[in-house]
Amino acid sequence: MNQLLPQLKKIIERFFALSLKVQVIFVQLDDFYQLKRPIQPYVTDYVHRLCKDVPLFFKIGTLRHASSLYADRNHQPIGAQERHDYQPINIDYTLAQYDKTAKQLGKTLQEYAAKAHMKQSPVDTLFKGEGFNRLVLASGGVPRDFLSLLLEALANKSEGDERIGKDDVRSLSLSTFQRRIEELKADSEERDHDVLMRGIYAIRSFCMERQVNVFLVADKTLQTKSDIKELLNRLVDYRIVHHVGGALTHKTQSGTFTAYMIDIGAYANLRKLANRFREVDVTAKDAREQCRTAPILDEGPLEKFFSSSPDDVESALLTEEEPEE
């Protein structure tokens, strides 16, 4: 393909010289993270060279922390450098900006409601109590997940009780978590599966031990412990852990911290936590203040729970707990 590149460039130049209508072509590569990471910079490099100096523009759709678009191989730059060769655009809505995310999902729902000629606000018509907020949290801010969960919740409602409440969303949280695990396995390299699964198990075990859904990680830890940073970034990409705040101070510890929330599907079905598990309300106005009292996860407890994870860690994560006697 490298030998063909000059010939391909000439064909492209000839095409634009002859075309009376086409002035620009956009090349889009979606799900780029499906490629094995070692070859990603080479594919990016080829596309970059193909598009250079001709009216071709490329766009790569991918998971940020599962992608390597640039590499330095034996002092030879390969790929495309961020901000030098391309501009990153983050299209995700996250729980760190809950109000913005909830507003966007509400607007999306409103557009569908208009298509269905609904006269009342869909939020008022379809939800009760904290149902809407809980659905936003359960979806992780992903519009596709939000709408699919909404349809699933509505399908389970009985006639005369069509509005969705907090408990309706909670009942779907485990199946949503299970789907995310399957998506993680499908979208990541097999060699990474065990580390990611044990990482989820360790973080969930930490939250269960401290009986709270939010935890803090020192910014210093994220700067100096690349393995912890990589694990959290990957799990944020897969919506199993949610970034819910940054530049936080702790009420008893010095330094600044980043706040994360484990997905509600990781604990909502565990009956033994009933009435003993504190859920920090990231939708509340004082959410940042609530996060300042969250426990701090560092290398020690993470390593403890990681090393004590069971052999069949996936089964331990996905099996619904049996009722206690």
Protein backbone atom coordinates (compact mmCIF):
# COMPACT_ATOMS: atom_id res chain seq x y z
CA MET A 1 0.00 0.00 0.00
CA ASN A 2 2.92 2.35 0.65
CA GLN A 3 4.17 1.72 -2.88
CA LEU A 4 0.69 2.48 -4.24
CA LEU A 5 0.36 5.78 -2.38
CA PRO A 6 1.96 8.06 -5.06
CA GLN A 7 -0.25 6.48 -7.73
CA LEU A 8 -3.37 6.90 -5.57
CA LYS A 9 -2.51 10.56 -4.95
CA LYS A 10 -2.22 11.18 -8.70
CA ILE A 11 -5.61 9.53 -9.31
CA ILE A 12 -7.19 11.69 -6.59
CA GLU A 13 -5.63 14.87 -8.02
CA ARG A 14 -6.85 13.89 -11.49
CA PHE A 15 -10.36 13.28 -10.16
CA PHE A 16 -10.61 16.75 -8.63
CA ALA A 17 -9.16 18.34 -11.76
CA LEU A 18 -11.88 16.71 -13.89
CA SER A 19 -14.81 17.04 -11.49
CA LEU A 20 -17.23 19.90 -12.08
CA LYS A 21 -19.24 19.35 -8.91
CA VAL A 22 -17.17 17.62 -6.24
CA GLN A 23 -14.83 20.04 -4.51
CA VAL A 24 -14.18 18.24 -1.21
CA ILE A 25 -14.40 14.67 0.04
CA PHE A 26 -14.59 13.71 3.71
CA VAL A 27 -13.18 10.32 4.73
CA GLN A 28 -14.70 8.99 7.95
CA LEU A 29 -13.32 6.02 9.87
CA ASP A 30 -15.71 4.97 12.60
CA ASP A 31 -15.12 2.51 15.49
CA PHE A 32 -11.38 2.98 14.99
CA TYR A 33 -10.69 1.43 18.40
CA GLN A 34 -11.63 -1.97 16.94
CA LEU A 35 -8.21 -2.07 15.29
CA LYS A 36 -5.39 -3.51 17.38
CA ARG A 37 -3.62 -0.64 19.12
CA PRO A 38 -0.10 -1.39 17.75
CA ILE A 39 -1.28 -0.86 14.15
CA GLN A 40 -3.54 2.15 14.80
CA PRO A 41 -0.75 4.75 14.32
CA TYR A 42 0.20 3.16 10.98
CA VAL A 43 -3.37 3.27 9.67
CA THR A 44 -3.70 6.87 10.85
CA ASP A 45 -0.39 7.73 9.21
CA TYR A 46 -1.49 6.27 5.89
CA VAL A 47 -4.82 8.11 5.91
CA HIS A 48 -3.05 11.32 6.91
CA ARG A 49 -0.57 11.04 4.01
CA LEU A 50 -3.36 10.12 1.59
CA CYS A 51 -5.33 13.25 2.49
CA LYS A 52 -2.40 15.65 2.63
CA ASP A 53 -2.20 18.37 -0.06
CA VAL A 54 -5.47 17.26 -1.72
CA PRO A 55 -9.09 18.22 -0.88
CA LEU A 56 -9.54 15.14 1.29
CA PHE A 57 -10.30 15.55 4.98
CA PHE A 58 -10.41 12.70 7.45
CA LYS A 59 -12.45 12.20 10.61
CA ILE A 60 -11.80 9.34 13.03
CA GLY A 61 -14.54 8.23 15.40
CA THR A 62 -13.14 6.27 18.33
CA LEU A 63 -12.86 5.81 22.09
CA ARG A 64 -10.21 8.24 23.25
CA HIS A 65 -8.45 6.02 25.76
CA ALA A 66 -8.57 2.91 23.58
CA SER A 67 -6.78 4.63 20.71
CA SER A 68 -3.22 5.42 19.69
CA LEU A 69 -3.18 7.75 16.71
CA TYR A 70 0.48 8.71 17.07
CA ALA A 71 3.66 6.88 18.02
CA ASP A 72 7.38 7.52 18.03
CA ARG A 73 9.03 4.40 16.61
CA ASN A 74 12.83 4.57 16.66
CA HIS A 75 12.65 8.39 16.56
CA GLN A 76 10.40 8.18 13.52
CA PRO A 77 7.01 9.89 14.01
CA ILE A 78 4.15 7.68 12.89
CA GLY A 79 0.50 8.76 12.68
CA ALA A 80 -1.11 12.11 13.37
CA GLN A 81 -0.38 14.39 16.32
CA GLU A 82 -3.21 15.95 18.27
CA ARG A 83 -3.61 19.70 17.57
CA HIS A 84 -0.77 19.58 15.03
CA ASP A 85 -2.47 17.36 12.46
CA TYR A 86 -6.02 17.09 13.81
CA GLN A 87 -8.35 18.78 16.27
CA PRO A 88 -10.05 16.56 18.89
CA ILE A 89 -13.80 17.00 19.33
CA ASN A 90 -15.40 15.40 22.37
CA ILE A 91 -19.03 14.58 21.57
CA ASP A 92 -19.77 12.84 24.88
CA TYR A 93 -22.06 14.22 27.54
CA THR A 94 -20.85 13.22 30.99
CA LEU A 95 -22.18 13.23 34.52
CA ALA A 96 -19.48 15.73 35.52
CA GLN A 97 -21.75 18.34 33.92
CA TYR A 98 -25.02 16.79 34.97
CA ASP A 99 -27.25 19.80 34.27
CA LYS A 100 -25.92 20.12 30.70
CA THR A 101 -26.27 16.39 30.09
CA ALA A 102 -29.80 16.20 31.51
CA LYS A 103 -30.84 19.22 29.45
CA GLN A 104 -29.51 17.66 26.25
CA LEU A 105 -31.28 14.34 26.89
CA GLY A 106 -34.47 16.22 27.73
CA LYS A 107 -34.22 18.09 24.42
CA THR A 108 -33.65 14.82 22.55
CA LEU A 109 -36.73 13.35 24.21
CA GLN A 110 -38.70 16.49 23.38
CA GLU A 111 -37.90 16.12 19.67
CA TYR A 112 -39.21 12.55 19.66
CA ALA A 113 -42.29 13.71 21.57
CA ALA A 114 -42.95 16.35 18.91
CA LYS A 115 -42.79 13.65 16.22
CA ALA A 116 -45.41 11.71 18.19
CA HIS A 117 -47.57 14.87 18.53
CA MET A 118 -47.38 14.81 22.33
CA LYS A 119 -48.82 18.04 23.70
CA GLN A 120 -47.40 17.84 27.22
CA SER A 121 -43.73 17.78 28.19
CA PRO A 122 -42.47 14.19 27.85
CA VAL A 123 -40.55 14.56 31.11
CA ASP A 124 -43.79 15.35 32.95
CA THR A 125 -45.80 12.75 31.04
CA LEU A 126 -43.41 9.79 31.20
CA PHE A 127 -41.70 10.20 34.58
CA LYS A 128 -42.56 10.55 38.23
CA GLY A 129 -40.46 11.55 41.22
CA GLU A 130 -36.75 11.03 40.52
CA GLY A 131 -37.39 8.79 37.51
CA PHE A 132 -35.91 11.14 34.91
CA ASN A 133 -32.77 11.92 36.95
CA ARG A 134 -32.22 8.25 37.69
CA LEU A 135 -32.56 7.35 34.00
CA VAL A 136 -29.95 9.98 33.09
CA LEU A 137 -27.58 8.44 35.67
CA ALA A 138 -28.28 4.87 34.53
CA SER A 139 -27.56 5.82 30.91
CA GLY A 140 -24.27 7.49 31.83
CA GLY A 141 -25.38 10.41 29.67
CA VAL A 142 -25.37 8.33 26.46
CA PRO A 143 -28.44 9.24 24.35
CA ARG A 144 -28.70 5.74 22.83
CA ASP A 145 -28.68 4.10 26.26
CA PHE A 146 -31.10 6.68 27.63
CA LEU A 147 -33.67 6.01 24.90
CA SER A 148 -33.29 2.22 24.95
CA LEU A 149 -33.66 2.14 28.76
CA LEU A 150 -36.72 4.35 28.47
CA LEU A 151 -38.36 1.96 26.01
CA GLU A 152 -37.47 -1.05 28.16
CA ALA A 153 -38.88 0.59 31.29
CA LEU A 154 -42.10 1.57 29.50
CA ALA A 155 -42.53 -1.97 28.18
CA ASN A 156 -42.47 -3.30 31.75
CA LYS A 157 -45.14 -0.94 33.05
CA SER A 158 -48.68 -2.15 33.67
CA GLU A 159 -51.75 -0.38 32.30
CA GLY A 160 -52.78 2.53 34.46
CA ASP A 161 -49.27 3.01 35.86
CA GLU A 162 -47.29 4.13 32.83
CA ARG A 163 -44.97 6.69 34.42
CA ILE A 164 -41.41 5.68 35.22
CA GLY A 165 -40.05 6.12 38.73
CA LYS A 166 -36.72 5.59 40.44
CA ASP A 167 -37.42 1.93 41.28
CA ASP A 168 -38.34 1.14 37.65
CA VAL A 169 -34.90 2.29 36.52
CA ARG A 170 -33.20 0.47 39.38
CA SER A 171 -34.74 -2.83 38.27
CA LEU A 172 -33.08 -2.42 34.86
CA SER A 173 -29.68 -1.37 36.16
CA LEU A 174 -28.14 -4.85 36.40
CA SER A 175 -29.04 -5.81 32.82
CA THR A 176 -27.60 -2.47 31.66
CA PHE A 177 -24.38 -3.19 33.55
CA GLN A 178 -24.23 -6.65 31.99
CA ARG A 179 -24.56 -5.15 28.50
CA ARG A 180 -21.74 -2.73 29.22
CA ILE A 181 -19.50 -5.59 30.26
CA GLU A 182 -20.28 -7.36 26.98
CA GLU A 183 -19.57 -4.15 25.04
CA LEU A 184 -16.27 -3.77 26.88
CA LYS A 185 -15.27 -7.29 25.84
CA ALA A 186 -16.33 -6.68 22.24
CA ASP A 187 -14.59 -3.31 21.95
CA SER A 188 -11.32 -4.05 23.74
CA GLU A 189 -8.45 -6.39 22.96
CA GLU A 190 -8.72 -9.83 24.53
CA ARG A 191 -5.41 -9.40 26.33
CA ASP A 192 -6.92 -6.44 28.24
CA HIS A 193 -10.09 -8.23 29.39
CA ASP A 194 -8.72 -9.74 32.59
CA VAL A 195 -7.14 -6.49 33.81
CA LEU A 196 -10.28 -4.49 33.07
CA MET A 197 -12.57 -7.03 34.76
CA ARG A 198 -10.41 -7.26 37.86
CA GLY A 199 -10.20 -3.48 37.92
CA ILE A 200 -14.00 -3.23 37.94
CA TYR A 201 -14.17 -5.85 40.69
CA ALA A 202 -11.58 -3.99 42.79
CA ILE A 203 -13.31 -0.62 42.45
CA ARG A 204 -16.73 -2.09 43.20
CA SER A 205 -15.33 -3.92 46.24
CA PHE A 206 -13.80 -0.68 47.50
CA CYS A 207 -17.12 1.15 47.12
CA MET A 208 -18.99 -1.68 48.85
CA GLU A 209 -16.52 -1.72 51.73
CA ARG A 210 -16.85 2.05 52.17
CA GLN A 211 -20.61 1.84 51.46
CA VAL A 212 -20.70 4.75 49.04
CA ASN A 213 -21.01 5.07 45.26
CA VAL A 214 -18.49 7.92 44.77
CA PHE A 215 -14.75 7.84 45.38
CA LEU A 216 -11.89 10.29 44.98
CA VAL A 217 -8.50 9.80 43.37
CA ALA A 218 -5.71 12.26 44.11
CA ASP A 219 -4.60 14.21 41.05
CA LYS A 220 -1.04 13.40 42.11
CA THR A 221 -1.87 9.69 41.84
CA LEU A 222 -3.27 10.20 38.34
CA GLN A 223 -0.09 12.05 37.37
CA THR A 224 2.37 9.51 38.78
CA LYS A 225 0.55 6.15 38.51
CA SER A 226 -0.05 5.61 34.81
CA ASP A 227 -1.62 2.17 35.34
CA ILE A 228 -4.31 3.59 37.65
CA LYS A 229 -4.97 6.50 35.30
CA GLU A 230 -5.22 4.15 32.30
CA LEU A 231 -7.62 1.82 34.13
CA LEU A 232 -9.94 4.64 35.18
CA ASN A 233 -9.85 6.26 31.73
CA ARG A 234 -10.74 2.98 30.04
CA LEU A 235 -13.63 2.31 32.44
CA VAL A 236 -14.90 5.86 31.92
CA ASP A 237 -14.87 5.20 28.16
CA TYR A 238 -17.03 2.12 28.69
CA ARG A 239 -19.40 3.97 31.09
CA ILE A 240 -18.71 1.56 33.96
CA VAL A 241 -17.11 4.33 35.99
CA HIS A 242 -18.29 7.92 35.56
CA HIS A 243 -16.23 11.07 35.96
CA VAL A 244 -18.35 13.37 38.15
CA GLY A 245 -16.02 16.19 39.17
CA GLY A 246 -12.50 17.56 39.12
CA ALA A 247 -10.21 19.94 41.02
CA LEU A 248 -11.87 19.02 44.31
CA THR A 249 -10.39 19.52 47.74
CA HIS A 250 -10.92 16.95 50.47
CA LYS A 251 -12.20 17.88 53.89
CA THR A 252 -9.38 16.07 55.71
CA GLN A 253 -6.61 15.48 53.13
CA SER A 254 -4.40 17.98 51.31
CA GLY A 255 -4.11 18.27 47.56
CA THR A 256 -6.69 18.20 44.78
CA PHE A 257 -8.81 15.24 43.72
CA THR A 258 -10.91 13.91 40.85
CA ALA A 259 -14.28 12.38 41.72
CA TYR A 260 -15.62 9.20 40.11
CA MET A 261 -18.91 7.35 40.51
CA ILE A 262 -19.31 3.62 39.99
CA ASP A 263 -22.22 2.80 37.69
CA ILE A 264 -25.46 2.10 39.56
CA GLY A 265 -25.72 -1.28 37.84
CA ALA A 266 -22.66 -2.44 39.78
CA TYR A 267 -24.46 -2.30 43.11
CA ALA A 268 -28.19 -1.57 42.74
CA ASN A 269 -29.15 -5.26 42.87
CA LEU A 270 -27.12 -6.09 46.00
CA ARG A 271 -29.74 -6.55 48.71
CA LYS A 272 -27.22 -6.74 51.54
CA LEU A 273 -26.47 -3.05 50.93
CA ALA A 274 -30.09 -2.00 51.46
CA ASN A 275 -30.37 1.00 53.80
CA ARG A 276 -26.62 0.88 54.45
CA PHE A 277 -25.23 2.23 51.19
CA ARG A 278 -24.92 5.99 50.72
CA GLU A 279 -25.55 7.25 47.23
CA VAL A 280 -24.01 10.66 46.63
CA ASP A 281 -26.60 12.60 44.63
CA VAL A 282 -24.61 14.02 41.72
CA THR A 283 -27.79 15.73 40.49
CA ALA A 284 -27.99 17.91 43.60
CA LYS A 285 -26.79 21.51 43.78
CA ASP A 286 -24.37 20.59 46.58
CA ALA A 287 -22.99 17.54 44.70
CA ARG A 288 -19.40 18.86 44.78
CA GLU A 289 -19.65 19.41 48.52
CA GLN A 290 -20.96 15.85 48.98
CA CYS A 291 -18.06 14.50 46.93
CA ARG A 292 -15.51 16.21 49.19
CA THR A 293 -16.27 13.66 51.93
CA ALA A 294 -15.97 10.61 49.65
CA PRO A 295 -13.29 7.98 50.41
CA ILE A 296 -9.95 8.19 48.63
CA LEU A 297 -8.92 5.31 46.38
CA ASP A 298 -5.19 4.90 46.01
CA GLU A 299 -2.74 2.18 45.05
CA GLY A 300 -3.01 0.28 48.36
CA PRO A 301 -6.72 -0.68 48.47
CA LEU A 302 -6.86 -1.00 44.68
CA GLU A 303 -4.06 -3.57 44.72
CA LYS A 304 -5.63 -5.39 47.70
CA PHE A 305 -8.99 -5.90 46.03
CA PHE A 306 -7.42 -6.52 42.61
CA SER A 307 -5.25 -9.37 43.92
CA SER A 308 -8.13 -10.91 45.92
CA SER A 309 -10.55 -11.01 42.97
CA PRO A 310 -11.90 -14.51 42.18
CA ASP A 311 -10.67 -16.63 39.30
CA ASP A 312 -14.01 -16.28 37.48
CA VAL A 313 -14.20 -12.55 38.03
CA GLU A 314 -16.68 -11.93 35.20
CA SER A 315 -19.20 -14.32 36.73
CA ALA A 316 -18.77 -12.63 40.11
CA LEU A 317 -19.53 -9.27 38.52
CA LEU A 318 -22.54 -10.36 36.49
CA THR A 319 -24.31 -12.85 38.74
CA GLU A 320 -27.30 -11.35 40.50
CA GLU A 321 -27.12 -11.82 44.24
CA GLU A 322 -29.42 -14.39 45.82
CA PRO A 323 -31.77 -13.17 48.56
CA GLU A 324 -30.33 -13.50 52.03
CA GLU A 325 -31.92 -15.96 54.41
